[in-house]
Amino acid sequence: MLRLEGKVQSVITRDPRTDKEGKTHDGYSQVQLLVEELLDNDQVRYGIQTMTTARPDDFRKLEGQTVAVPVRVYVKGGSIAFTMPAASAPQVVNQRTGASAG
């Protein structure tokens, strides 16, 4: 399993809803991480990675901190996307050494 590191930017909660056809959709929570992508020319490109999480409160406590989470990678609409296993908890990363603190 891969590990994704990023700074917790926000946690979004979507309430359950019913669409026009009367179909009910469950609510869910997502976390947004600010991630760094190292380019071939050694420059860094920053981006937001949004993932569904079953543990929104764990991420809310860590807003503004850099964390690492185990992820699976898949392709969505021609782009790379990530998903976290439901039981995955974020680990705070020591920004000086890159080591997980916990």
Protein backbone atom coordinates (compact mmCIF):
# COMPACT_ATOMS: atom_id res chain seq x y z
CA MET A 1 0.00 0.00 0.00
CA LEU A 2 1.21 3.50 -0.80
CA ARG A 3 1.41 6.41 1.63
CA LEU A 4 0.19 9.91 0.79
CA GLU A 5 1.47 12.93 2.72
CA GLY A 6 -0.15 16.33 2.79
CA LYS A 7 -1.23 19.25 4.94
CA VAL A 8 -4.83 18.92 6.16
CA GLN A 9 -6.70 21.89 4.64
CA SER A 10 -10.33 21.12 5.44
CA VAL A 11 -12.92 18.46 6.17
CA ILE A 12 -16.20 18.58 4.26
CA THR A 13 -19.39 16.83 5.39
CA ARG A 14 -22.18 16.11 2.91
CA ASP A 15 -25.63 15.44 4.39
CA PRO A 16 -27.82 12.59 3.09
CA ARG A 17 -30.07 13.74 0.25
CA THR A 18 -32.89 12.61 -2.01
CA ASP A 19 -32.65 13.33 -5.74
CA LYS A 20 -35.43 14.34 -8.15
CA GLU A 21 -36.28 10.69 -8.84
CA GLY A 22 -36.74 10.00 -5.12
CA LYS A 23 -33.52 8.00 -4.75
CA THR A 24 -31.81 8.47 -1.38
CA HIS A 25 -28.04 9.06 -1.27
CA ASP A 26 -26.05 8.55 1.95
CA GLY A 27 -24.10 11.37 3.51
CA TYR A 28 -20.31 11.25 3.56
CA SER A 29 -17.23 13.18 4.65
CA GLN A 30 -14.19 14.19 2.65
CA VAL A 31 -10.76 15.48 3.64
CA GLN A 32 -8.71 17.87 1.52
CA LEU A 33 -4.92 17.60 1.67
CA LEU A 34 -2.45 20.09 0.20
CA VAL A 35 0.12 17.85 -1.49
CA GLU A 36 3.48 18.46 -3.16
CA GLU A 37 4.31 16.85 -6.50
CA LEU A 38 7.99 16.80 -7.44
CA LEU A 39 8.36 17.52 -11.16
CA ASP A 40 11.07 16.16 -13.48
CA ASN A 41 12.94 19.49 -13.35
CA ASP A 42 13.05 19.37 -9.51
CA GLN A 43 10.37 22.06 -9.16
CA VAL A 44 7.40 21.46 -6.87
CA ARG A 45 3.77 21.72 -7.96
CA TYR A 46 1.15 22.05 -5.20
CA GLY A 47 -2.34 20.62 -5.48
CA ILE A 48 -5.38 19.68 -3.44
CA GLN A 49 -6.22 15.99 -3.11
CA THR A 50 -9.79 15.34 -1.95
CA MET A 51 -10.64 11.89 -0.55
CA THR A 52 -13.64 10.36 1.18
CA THR A 53 -12.96 9.45 4.81
CA ALA A 54 -14.80 7.40 7.40
CA ARG A 55 -12.86 9.26 10.14
CA PRO A 56 -13.59 12.98 9.65
CA ASP A 57 -13.08 13.86 13.34
CA ASP A 58 -9.53 12.45 13.24
CA PHE A 59 -8.69 14.85 10.39
CA ARG A 60 -10.53 17.85 11.92
CA LYS A 61 -8.25 17.62 14.97
CA LEU A 62 -5.23 17.84 12.66
CA GLU A 63 -6.23 20.76 10.40
CA GLY A 64 -3.12 22.71 9.44
CA GLN A 65 -0.76 19.81 10.20
CA THR A 66 1.06 17.54 7.76
CA VAL A 67 -0.16 13.95 7.92
CA ALA A 68 0.45 10.63 6.19
CA VAL A 69 -2.26 8.10 5.32
CA PRO A 70 -2.13 4.74 3.54
CA VAL A 71 -3.90 4.93 0.16
CA ARG A 72 -4.88 2.88 -2.86
CA VAL A 73 -4.47 4.41 -6.32
CA TYR A 74 -6.99 4.24 -9.16
CA VAL A 75 -7.81 6.10 -12.37
CA LYS A 76 -10.87 8.38 -12.42
CA GLY A 77 -11.74 10.24 -15.61
CA GLY A 78 -8.19 9.93 -16.96
CA SER A 79 -6.59 11.25 -13.75
CA ILE A 80 -4.94 9.48 -10.84
CA ALA A 81 -7.07 9.44 -7.69
CA PHE A 82 -6.61 8.04 -4.19
CA THR A 83 -8.81 6.24 -1.70
CA MET A 84 -8.13 5.45 1.95
CA PRO A 85 -9.08 2.17 3.59
CA ALA A 86 -12.01 2.82 5.97
CA ALA A 87 -9.98 1.99 9.08
CA SER A 88 -7.05 4.24 8.11
CA ALA A 89 -6.13 6.93 10.60
CA PRO A 90 -3.89 9.88 9.77
CA GLN A 91 -0.44 10.04 11.34
CA VAL A 92 1.22 13.39 12.01
CA VAL A 93 4.47 13.76 10.07
CA ASN A 94 7.51 15.50 11.53
CA GLN A 95 8.16 18.07 8.82
CA ARG A 96 11.90 18.25 9.47
CA THR A 97 12.60 14.55 9.08
CA GLY A 98 9.53 13.25 7.24
CA ALA A 99 9.10 10.61 9.97
CA SER A 100 5.69 9.71 11.32
CA ALA A 101 5.14 10.83 14.89
CA GLY A 102 3.05 8.10 16.41
